[in-house]
Amino acid sequence: MLKQSRSRRNKFGKFTPQILILFAVACTLVMLIISNASADQSGTPNIQFDSQVFDFGTVDEGARINHTFKVANKGDGTLKIVDAYASCGCTTPKFAKKILEPGETTDLFVTVDTSMKQNAVTKTLNVSSNDPKRPIVEIALKMFVRNQHKGLTEGAKAKILTDENCTSCHVARGVGEFGIKLYVADCAMCHGPKGEGESGPPLIGPYDNAVYYDHMKNILTNGSKKTNAMPGFGGAAGGPLAQKQIDSLLTYLKDLSAKRMNKK
């Protein structure tokens, strides 16, 4: 029994150096892999665009227009694009791919729906990535929309209240809101943050005048007969607002107008 025990220890001990060598080699390989991975991760991505501003020039209202931006990784680390966030639901961005190794490029496809737009319009995109120096890059798309709302059908007029891209800006954000919060959510995008007018007409006026007040109430509730760009927001006209919400908008606009007129 003693000889067998020594024999096994000797036999086992005979291969110990080889096992240790194999173990050492395996450890070295693991360390090299970790080292290489760390080296790759230590590189710095650098996001670059062929242009950060594109001007479509003059376009017709109601058209869907497209542009493709070229995006490159000019750094020495992997670029990971998180996403592109549009300022409005009418602007739809899409990347061909979002992970770029050093030297690689990709396309950013952008579509803009010009329905309900008029005159000079600028839409923006915020592109976020893991670039440490420029984690967010703003892209601007400019255009001048002519023939504003000319020949717009009743179906197209209702688009602002039915199309998902439109309702995300003009309806969804104002659900359950009143007064200034409702105005900022649903109206400010077209009529300006202070009612001074932008793509839509100004809303500052003599709301103390009963005729003017009723006129504006009718437009908010039932829509404008002069332009298809303004559908009725009242429930009876198929809109999303209750009468109390429309009344709260009129109260806010009346107070806002009084303050503006007093400043003059």
C-alpha atoms as a PDB file:
ATOM      1  CA  MET A   1       0.000   0.000   0.000  1.00  0.00           C
ATOM      2  CA  LEU A   2       2.859   2.340   0.828  1.00  0.00           C
ATOM      3  CA  LYS A   3       4.570   1.677  -2.529  1.00  0.00           C
ATOM      4  CA  GLN A   4       1.336   2.233  -4.428  1.00  0.00           C
ATOM      5  CA  SER A   5       0.777   5.497  -2.563  1.00  0.00           C
ATOM      6  CA  ARG A   6       4.301   6.731  -3.414  1.00  0.00           C
ATOM      7  CA  SER A   7       3.909   5.567  -6.973  1.00  0.00           C
ATOM      8  CA  ARG A   8       0.746   7.596  -7.417  1.00  0.00           C
ATOM      9  CA  ARG A   9       2.310  10.673  -5.878  1.00  0.00           C
ATOM     10  CA  ASN A  10       5.395  10.257  -8.052  1.00  0.00           C
ATOM     11  CA  LYS A  11       3.329   9.702 -11.137  1.00  0.00           C
ATOM     12  CA  PHE A  12       1.170  12.710 -10.330  1.00  0.00           C
ATOM     13  CA  GLY A  13       4.188  14.799  -9.483  1.00  0.00           C
ATOM     14  CA  LYS A  14       5.833  13.800 -12.746  1.00  0.00           C
ATOM     15  CA  PHE A  15       3.169  15.758 -14.715  1.00  0.00           C
ATOM     16  CA  THR A  16       2.881  18.740 -12.359  1.00  0.00           C
ATOM     17  CA  PRO A  17       5.297  21.001 -14.315  1.00  0.00           C
ATOM     18  CA  GLN A  18       3.373  20.434 -17.566  1.00  0.00           C
ATOM     19  CA  ILE A  19       0.083  21.212 -15.890  1.00  0.00           C
ATOM     20  CA  LEU A  20       1.559  24.369 -14.419  1.00  0.00           C
ATOM     21  CA  ILE A  21       2.882  25.423 -17.823  1.00  0.00           C
ATOM     22  CA  LEU A  22      -0.496  24.853 -19.471  1.00  0.00           C
ATOM     23  CA  PHE A  23      -2.158  26.790 -16.687  1.00  0.00           C
ATOM     24  CA  ALA A  24       0.320  29.636 -17.088  1.00  0.00           C
ATOM     25  CA  VAL A  25      -0.226  29.744 -20.856  1.00  0.00           C
ATOM     26  CA  ALA A  26      -3.999  29.776 -20.387  1.00  0.00           C
ATOM     27  CA  CYS A  27      -3.711  32.641 -17.908  1.00  0.00           C
ATOM     28  CA  THR A  28      -1.497  34.563 -20.306  1.00  0.00           C
ATOM     29  CA  LEU A  29      -3.988  34.135 -23.141  1.00  0.00           C
ATOM     30  CA  VAL A  30      -6.825  35.309 -20.926  1.00  0.00           C
ATOM     31  CA  MET A  31      -4.810  38.363 -19.877  1.00  0.00           C
ATOM     32  CA  LEU A  32      -4.002  39.159 -23.512  1.00  0.00           C
ATOM     33  CA  ILE A  33      -7.671  38.927 -24.475  1.00  0.00           C
ATOM     34  CA  ILE A  34      -8.665  41.179 -21.585  1.00  0.00           C
ATOM     35  CA  SER A  35      -5.855  43.577 -22.442  1.00  0.00           C
ATOM     36  CA  ASN A  36      -6.904  43.781 -26.094  1.00  0.00           C
ATOM     37  CA  ALA A  37     -10.538  44.277 -25.144  1.00  0.00           C
ATOM     38  CA  SER A  38      -9.557  47.059 -22.754  1.00  0.00           C
ATOM     39  CA  ALA A  39      -7.472  48.674 -25.455  1.00  0.00           C
ATOM     40  CA  ASP A  40     -10.430  48.612 -27.833  1.00  0.00           C
ATOM     41  CA  GLN A  41     -12.705  50.105 -25.210  1.00  0.00           C
ATOM     42  CA  SER A  42     -10.207  52.831 -24.332  1.00  0.00           C
ATOM     43  CA  GLY A  43     -10.475  54.367 -27.815  1.00  0.00           C
ATOM     44  CA  THR A  44     -12.550  57.511 -28.274  1.00  0.00           C
ATOM     45  CA  PRO A  45     -15.412  57.656 -30.797  1.00  0.00           C
ATOM     46  CA  ASN A  46     -15.867  60.841 -32.827  1.00  0.00           C
ATOM     47  CA  ILE A  47     -19.199  61.401 -34.580  1.00  0.00           C
ATOM     48  CA  GLN A  48     -19.120  63.526 -37.735  1.00  0.00           C
ATOM     49  CA  PHE A  49     -21.806  64.532 -40.255  1.00  0.00           C
ATOM     50  CA  ASP A  50     -21.387  65.598 -43.860  1.00  0.00           C
ATOM     51  CA  SER A  51     -23.601  68.545 -42.872  1.00  0.00           C
ATOM     52  CA  GLN A  52     -25.574  69.612 -39.813  1.00  0.00           C
ATOM     53  CA  VAL A  53     -27.920  71.862 -41.782  1.00  0.00           C
ATOM     54  CA  PHE A  54     -29.866  71.068 -44.943  1.00  0.00           C
ATOM     55  CA  ASP A  55     -32.098  73.520 -46.806  1.00  0.00           C
ATOM     56  CA  PHE A  56     -34.824  72.005 -48.996  1.00  0.00           C
ATOM     57  CA  GLY A  57     -35.498  75.404 -50.550  1.00  0.00           C
ATOM     58  CA  THR A  58     -39.089  76.108 -51.610  1.00  0.00           C
ATOM     59  CA  VAL A  59     -41.496  73.178 -51.345  1.00  0.00           C
ATOM     60  CA  ASP A  60     -45.238  72.681 -51.752  1.00  0.00           C
ATOM     61  CA  GLU A  61     -47.431  72.278 -48.706  1.00  0.00           C
ATOM     62  CA  GLY A  62     -48.570  68.696 -48.225  1.00  0.00           C
ATOM     63  CA  ALA A  63     -45.466  67.111 -49.778  1.00  0.00           C
ATOM     64  CA  ARG A  64     -43.335  64.476 -48.056  1.00  0.00           C
ATOM     65  CA  ILE A  65     -39.693  65.440 -48.581  1.00  0.00           C
ATOM     66  CA  ASN A  66     -36.583  63.392 -47.848  1.00  0.00           C
ATOM     67  CA  HIS A  67     -32.888  63.900 -47.224  1.00  0.00           C
ATOM     68  CA  THR A  68     -30.033  61.567 -46.296  1.00  0.00           C
ATOM     69  CA  PHE A  69     -27.228  62.707 -43.994  1.00  0.00           C
ATOM     70  CA  LYS A  70     -23.916  60.834 -44.005  1.00  0.00           C
ATOM     71  CA  VAL A  71     -22.643  59.938 -40.538  1.00  0.00           C
ATOM     72  CA  ALA A  72     -19.055  58.814 -39.889  1.00  0.00           C
ATOM     73  CA  ASN A  73     -16.954  57.653 -36.950  1.00  0.00           C
ATOM     74  CA  LYS A  74     -13.687  59.589 -37.196  1.00  0.00           C
ATOM     75  CA  GLY A  75     -12.426  58.372 -33.829  1.00  0.00           C
ATOM     76  CA  ASP A  76     -10.445  55.320 -32.712  1.00  0.00           C
ATOM     77  CA  GLY A  77     -13.173  53.775 -30.557  1.00  0.00           C
ATOM     78  CA  THR A  78     -16.543  52.186 -31.319  1.00  0.00           C
ATOM     79  CA  LEU A  79     -19.301  54.755 -31.897  1.00  0.00           C
ATOM     80  CA  LYS A  80     -22.690  53.791 -30.485  1.00  0.00           C
ATOM     81  CA  ILE A  81     -25.563  55.965 -31.693  1.00  0.00           C
ATOM     82  CA  VAL A  82     -28.471  55.936 -29.262  1.00  0.00           C
ATOM     83  CA  ASP A  83     -31.094  57.570 -31.484  1.00  0.00           C
ATOM     84  CA  ALA A  84     -32.274  60.734 -33.235  1.00  0.00           C
ATOM     85  CA  TYR A  85     -35.077  62.676 -31.568  1.00  0.00           C
ATOM     86  CA  ALA A  86     -37.240  64.974 -33.723  1.00  0.00           C
ATOM     87  CA  SER A  87     -38.698  68.282 -32.593  1.00  0.00           C
ATOM     88  CA  CYS A  88     -42.032  67.379 -34.204  1.00  0.00           C
ATOM     89  CA  GLY A  89     -43.944  64.240 -35.135  1.00  0.00           C
ATOM     90  CA  CYS A  90     -43.934  65.351 -38.779  1.00  0.00           C
ATOM     91  CA  THR A  91     -40.191  64.641 -38.940  1.00  0.00           C
ATOM     92  CA  THR A  92     -39.149  60.976 -39.037  1.00  0.00           C
ATOM     93  CA  PRO A  93     -35.472  59.953 -38.690  1.00  0.00           C
ATOM     94  CA  LYS A  94     -34.038  56.469 -39.285  1.00  0.00           C
ATOM     95  CA  PHE A  95     -30.453  55.177 -39.141  1.00  0.00           C
ATOM     96  CA  ALA A  96     -29.200  52.439 -41.467  1.00  0.00           C
ATOM     97  CA  LYS A  97     -27.165  51.184 -38.492  1.00  0.00           C
ATOM     98  CA  LYS A  98     -26.243  52.562 -35.094  1.00  0.00           C
ATOM     99  CA  ILE A  99     -22.884  50.964 -34.233  1.00  0.00           C
ATOM    100  CA  LEU A 100     -19.859  52.205 -36.183  1.00  0.00           C
ATOM    101  CA  GLU A 101     -16.315  50.966 -35.834  1.00  0.00           C
ATOM    102  CA  PRO A 102     -13.483  53.471 -36.460  1.00  0.00           C
ATOM    103  CA  GLY A 103     -13.620  54.663 -40.065  1.00  0.00           C
ATOM    104  CA  GLU A 104     -17.115  53.309 -40.763  1.00  0.00           C
ATOM    105  CA  THR A 105     -20.037  55.384 -42.061  1.00  0.00           C
ATOM    106  CA  THR A 106     -23.820  55.076 -42.120  1.00  0.00           C
ATOM    107  CA  ASP A 107     -26.865  56.926 -43.430  1.00  0.00           C
ATOM    108  CA  LEU A 108     -29.408  58.944 -41.487  1.00  0.00           C
ATOM    109  CA  PHE A 109     -32.627  59.037 -43.518  1.00  0.00           C
ATOM    110  CA  VAL A 110     -35.020  61.882 -42.687  1.00  0.00           C
ATOM    111  CA  THR A 111     -38.569  62.412 -43.961  1.00  0.00           C
ATOM    112  CA  VAL A 112     -40.545  65.613 -43.340  1.00  0.00           C
ATOM    113  CA  ASP A 113     -44.301  65.835 -43.879  1.00  0.00           C
ATOM    114  CA  THR A 114     -45.076  69.453 -44.843  1.00  0.00           C
ATOM    115  CA  SER A 115     -48.827  69.167 -44.264  1.00  0.00           C
ATOM    116  CA  MET A 116     -50.158  72.121 -42.248  1.00  0.00           C
ATOM    117  CA  LYS A 117     -46.869  74.003 -42.646  1.00  0.00           C
ATOM    118  CA  GLN A 118     -46.441  77.449 -44.185  1.00  0.00           C
ATOM    119  CA  ASN A 119     -43.748  80.034 -44.928  1.00  0.00           C
ATOM    120  CA  ALA A 120     -40.281  79.590 -43.394  1.00  0.00           C
ATOM    121  CA  VAL A 121     -40.040  76.366 -41.376  1.00  0.00           C
ATOM    122  CA  THR A 122     -37.128  74.782 -39.502  1.00  0.00           C
ATOM    123  CA  LYS A 123     -37.285  71.277 -38.045  1.00  0.00           C
ATOM    124  CA  THR A 124     -34.553  69.911 -35.797  1.00  0.00           C
ATOM    125  CA  LEU A 125     -33.161  66.531 -34.778  1.00  0.00           C
ATOM    126  CA  ASN A 126     -31.046  65.809 -31.718  1.00  0.00           C
ATOM    127  CA  VAL A 127     -28.697  62.871 -32.338  1.00  0.00           C
ATOM    128  CA  SER A 128     -27.343  61.249 -29.169  1.00  0.00           C
ATOM    129  CA  SER A 129     -24.326  58.931 -29.019  1.00  0.00           C
ATOM    130  CA  ASN A 130     -21.417  57.843 -26.810  1.00  0.00           C
ATOM    131  CA  ASP A 131     -19.098  60.498 -28.277  1.00  0.00           C
ATOM    132  CA  PRO A 132     -17.752  62.064 -25.038  1.00  0.00           C
ATOM    133  CA  LYS A 133     -17.110  65.461 -26.625  1.00  0.00           C
ATOM    134  CA  ARG A 134     -20.406  65.727 -28.488  1.00  0.00           C
ATOM    135  CA  PRO A 135     -22.970  63.449 -26.816  1.00  0.00           C
ATOM    136  CA  ILE A 136     -25.795  65.371 -28.509  1.00  0.00           C
ATOM    137  CA  VAL A 137     -25.578  66.908 -31.986  1.00  0.00           C
ATOM    138  CA  GLU A 138     -28.356  69.079 -33.410  1.00  0.00           C
ATOM    139  CA  ILE A 139     -29.322  68.670 -37.061  1.00  0.00           C
ATOM    140  CA  ALA A 140     -31.507  71.302 -38.753  1.00  0.00           C
ATOM    141  CA  LEU A 141     -33.735  70.989 -41.824  1.00  0.00           C
ATOM    142  CA  LYS A 142     -34.979  74.215 -43.373  1.00  0.00           C
ATOM    143  CA  MET A 143     -37.613  74.898 -46.003  1.00  0.00           C
ATOM    144  CA  PHE A 144     -40.005  77.535 -47.292  1.00  0.00           C
ATOM    145  CA  VAL A 145     -43.511  76.116 -47.727  1.00  0.00           C
ATOM    146  CA  ARG A 146     -45.528  77.783 -50.492  1.00  0.00           C
ATOM    147  CA  ASN A 147     -49.189  77.484 -51.559  1.00  0.00           C
ATOM    148  CA  GLN A 148     -50.001  77.183 -47.906  1.00  0.00           C
ATOM    149  CA  HIS A 149     -52.994  74.905 -47.491  1.00  0.00           C
ATOM    150  CA  LYS A 150     -54.144  75.613 -51.070  1.00  0.00           C
ATOM    151  CA  GLY A 151     -56.647  72.986 -52.136  1.00  0.00           C
ATOM    152  CA  LEU A 152     -56.332  71.084 -48.860  1.00  0.00           C
ATOM    153  CA  THR A 153     -59.261  68.671 -48.621  1.00  0.00           C
ATOM    154  CA  GLU A 154     -61.478  68.124 -45.603  1.00  0.00           C
ATOM    155  CA  GLY A 155     -59.779  64.761 -45.141  1.00  0.00           C
ATOM    156  CA  ALA A 156     -56.371  66.381 -45.060  1.00  0.00           C
ATOM    157  CA  LYS A 157     -57.718  69.071 -42.738  1.00  0.00           C
ATOM    158  CA  ALA A 158     -58.656  66.419 -40.199  1.00  0.00           C
ATOM    159  CA  LYS A 159     -55.170  64.921 -40.424  1.00  0.00           C
ATOM    160  CA  ILE A 160     -53.961  67.074 -37.541  1.00  0.00           C
ATOM    161  CA  LEU A 161     -56.499  65.286 -35.324  1.00  0.00           C
ATOM    162  CA  THR A 162     -56.186  61.760 -36.731  1.00  0.00           C
ATOM    163  CA  ASP A 163     -52.671  61.137 -38.036  1.00  0.00           C
ATOM    164  CA  GLU A 164     -50.411  59.680 -35.337  1.00  0.00           C
ATOM    165  CA  ASN A 165     -47.456  61.896 -36.265  1.00  0.00           C
ATOM    166  CA  CYS A 166     -49.651  65.003 -36.001  1.00  0.00           C
ATOM    167  CA  THR A 167     -51.597  64.032 -32.887  1.00  0.00           C
ATOM    168  CA  SER A 168     -48.372  63.367 -30.977  1.00  0.00           C
ATOM    169  CA  CYS A 169     -47.718  67.127 -31.081  1.00  0.00           C
ATOM    170  CA  HIS A 170     -51.152  68.733 -31.427  1.00  0.00           C
ATOM    171  CA  VAL A 171     -53.397  66.463 -29.354  1.00  0.00           C
ATOM    172  CA  ALA A 172     -51.724  63.925 -27.058  1.00  0.00           C
ATOM    173  CA  ARG A 173     -49.749  66.408 -24.975  1.00  0.00           C
ATOM    174  CA  GLY A 174     -52.853  68.415 -24.111  1.00  0.00           C
ATOM    175  CA  VAL A 175     -55.007  65.570 -22.821  1.00  0.00           C
ATOM    176  CA  GLY A 176     -56.561  66.629 -19.504  1.00  0.00           C
ATOM    177  CA  GLU A 177     -54.861  70.044 -19.521  1.00  0.00           C
ATOM    178  CA  PHE A 178     -56.391  73.526 -19.176  1.00  0.00           C
ATOM    179  CA  GLY A 179     -55.393  77.141 -19.673  1.00  0.00           C
ATOM    180  CA  ILE A 180     -51.733  77.918 -20.243  1.00  0.00           C
ATOM    181  CA  LYS A 181     -50.702  74.250 -20.018  1.00  0.00           C
ATOM    182  CA  LEU A 182     -53.184  73.334 -22.741  1.00  0.00           C
ATOM    183  CA  TYR A 183     -52.045  76.256 -24.887  1.00  0.00           C
ATOM    184  CA  VAL A 184     -48.368  75.310 -24.571  1.00  0.00           C
ATOM    185  CA  ALA A 185     -49.157  71.661 -25.329  1.00  0.00           C
ATOM    186  CA  ASP A 186     -51.460  72.057 -28.340  1.00  0.00           C
ATOM    187  CA  CYS A 187     -51.310  75.608 -29.687  1.00  0.00           C
ATOM    188  CA  ALA A 188     -47.889  77.186 -29.134  1.00  0.00           C
ATOM    189  CA  MET A 189     -46.194  75.170 -31.880  1.00  0.00           C
ATOM    190  CA  CYS A 190     -48.237  76.952 -34.576  1.00  0.00           C
ATOM    191  CA  HIS A 191     -49.270  80.208 -32.911  1.00  0.00           C
ATOM    192  CA  GLY A 192     -46.123  81.028 -30.929  1.00  0.00           C
ATOM    193  CA  PRO A 193     -45.322  80.674 -27.208  1.00  0.00           C
ATOM    194  CA  LYS A 194     -46.987  84.016 -26.453  1.00  0.00           C
ATOM    195  CA  GLY A 195     -49.714  83.960 -29.091  1.00  0.00           C
ATOM    196  CA  GLU A 196     -47.752  86.256 -31.396  1.00  0.00           C
ATOM    197  CA  GLY A 197     -48.091  83.897 -34.359  1.00  0.00           C
ATOM    198  CA  GLU A 198     -45.599  81.679 -36.174  1.00  0.00           C
ATOM    199  CA  SER A 199     -46.731  79.206 -38.824  1.00  0.00           C
ATOM    200  CA  GLY A 200     -50.276  80.032 -37.707  1.00  0.00           C
ATOM    201  CA  PRO A 201     -51.799  83.521 -37.258  1.00  0.00           C
ATOM    202  CA  PRO A 202     -51.440  85.549 -34.027  1.00  0.00           C
ATOM    203  CA  LEU A 203     -54.078  85.013 -31.357  1.00  0.00           C
ATOM    204  CA  ILE A 204     -53.651  88.315 -29.536  1.00  0.00           C
ATOM    205  CA  GLY A 205     -56.837  90.349 -29.875  1.00  0.00           C
ATOM    206  CA  PRO A 206     -59.695  92.267 -28.211  1.00  0.00           C
ATOM    207  CA  TYR A 207     -61.282  89.423 -26.275  1.00  0.00           C
ATOM    208  CA  ASP A 208     -63.243  91.963 -24.203  1.00  0.00           C
ATOM    209  CA  ASN A 209     -65.286  92.537 -27.341  1.00  0.00           C
ATOM    210  CA  ALA A 210     -68.156  90.032 -27.267  1.00  0.00           C
ATOM    211  CA  VAL A 211     -68.273  89.681 -31.055  1.00  0.00           C
ATOM    212  CA  TYR A 212     -64.537  88.945 -31.288  1.00  0.00           C
ATOM    213  CA  TYR A 213     -64.712  86.545 -28.328  1.00  0.00           C
ATOM    214  CA  ASP A 214     -67.572  84.562 -29.895  1.00  0.00           C
ATOM    215  CA  HIS A 215     -65.763  84.539 -33.246  1.00  0.00           C
ATOM    216  CA  MET A 216     -62.617  83.016 -31.711  1.00  0.00           C
ATOM    217  CA  LYS A 217     -64.681  80.567 -29.675  1.00  0.00           C
ATOM    218  CA  ASN A 218     -66.408  79.382 -32.842  1.00  0.00           C
ATOM    219  CA  ILE A 219     -63.082  78.897 -34.649  1.00  0.00           C
ATOM    220  CA  LEU A 220     -61.572  76.942 -31.750  1.00  0.00           C
ATOM    221  CA  THR A 221     -64.676  74.779 -31.474  1.00  0.00           C
ATOM    222  CA  ASN A 222     -65.701  74.263 -35.099  1.00  0.00           C
ATOM    223  CA  GLY A 223     -62.656  75.239 -37.154  1.00  0.00           C
ATOM    224  CA  SER A 224     -61.981  78.023 -39.641  1.00  0.00           C
ATOM    225  CA  LYS A 225     -63.987  78.461 -42.843  1.00  0.00           C
ATOM    226  CA  LYS A 226     -61.180  80.508 -44.401  1.00  0.00           C
ATOM    227  CA  THR A 227     -58.404  77.962 -44.093  1.00  0.00           C
ATOM    228  CA  ASN A 228     -58.321  74.190 -43.842  1.00  0.00           C
ATOM    229  CA  ALA A 229     -55.236  74.483 -41.646  1.00  0.00           C
ATOM    230  CA  MET A 230     -57.441  75.023 -38.587  1.00  0.00           C
ATOM    231  CA  PRO A 231     -59.811  72.114 -37.847  1.00  0.00           C
ATOM    232  CA  GLY A 232     -62.389  72.248 -35.092  1.00  0.00           C
ATOM    233  CA  PHE A 233     -60.988  71.147 -31.735  1.00  0.00           C
ATOM    234  CA  GLY A 234     -64.391  70.878 -30.060  1.00  0.00           C
ATOM    235  CA  GLY A 235     -65.922  67.498 -29.387  1.00  0.00           C
ATOM    236  CA  ALA A 236     -68.972  68.195 -31.570  1.00  0.00           C
ATOM    237  CA  ALA A 237     -66.648  68.813 -34.539  1.00  0.00           C
ATOM    238  CA  GLY A 238     -64.722  65.610 -33.925  1.00  0.00           C
ATOM    239  CA  GLY A 239     -61.966  67.305 -31.965  1.00  0.00           C
ATOM    240  CA  PRO A 240     -60.321  66.187 -28.705  1.00  0.00           C
ATOM    241  CA  LEU A 241     -61.297  69.079 -26.402  1.00  0.00           C
ATOM    242  CA  ALA A 242     -64.196  69.437 -23.994  1.00  0.00           C
ATOM    243  CA  GLN A 243     -65.976  72.801 -23.854  1.00  0.00           C
ATOM    244  CA  LYS A 244     -64.390  73.568 -20.464  1.00  0.00           C
ATOM    245  CA  GLN A 245     -60.956  73.188 -22.039  1.00  0.00           C
ATOM    246  CA  ILE A 246     -61.839  75.528 -24.915  1.00  0.00           C
ATOM    247  CA  ASP A 247     -63.216  78.067 -22.420  1.00  0.00           C
ATOM    248  CA  SER A 248     -59.963  77.837 -20.445  1.00  0.00           C
ATOM    249  CA  LEU A 249     -57.988  78.579 -23.629  1.00  0.00           C
ATOM    250  CA  LEU A 250     -60.116  81.648 -24.300  1.00  0.00           C
ATOM    251  CA  THR A 251     -59.619  82.858 -20.725  1.00  0.00           C
ATOM    252  CA  TYR A 252     -55.853  82.426 -21.053  1.00  0.00           C
ATOM    253  CA  LEU A 253     -55.774  84.227 -24.425  1.00  0.00           C
ATOM    254  CA  LYS A 254     -57.918  87.039 -23.025  1.00  0.00           C
ATOM    255  CA  ASP A 255     -55.528  87.557 -20.089  1.00  0.00           C
ATOM    256  CA  LEU A 256     -52.477  87.253 -22.344  1.00  0.00           C
ATOM    257  CA  SER A 257     -53.901  89.803 -24.789  1.00  0.00           C
ATOM    258  CA  ALA A 258     -54.708  92.246 -21.994  1.00  0.00           C
ATOM    259  CA  LYS A 259     -51.130  92.078 -20.704  1.00  0.00           C
ATOM    260  CA  ARG A 260     -49.670  92.549 -24.195  1.00  0.00           C
ATOM    261  CA  MET A 261     -51.947  95.491 -24.956  1.00  0.00           C
ATOM    262  CA  ASN A 262     -51.208  97.166 -21.613  1.00  0.00           C
ATOM    263  CA  LYS A 263     -47.481  96.999 -22.374  1.00  0.00           C
ATOM    264  CA  LYS A 264     -48.106  98.933 -25.575  1.00  0.00           C
END
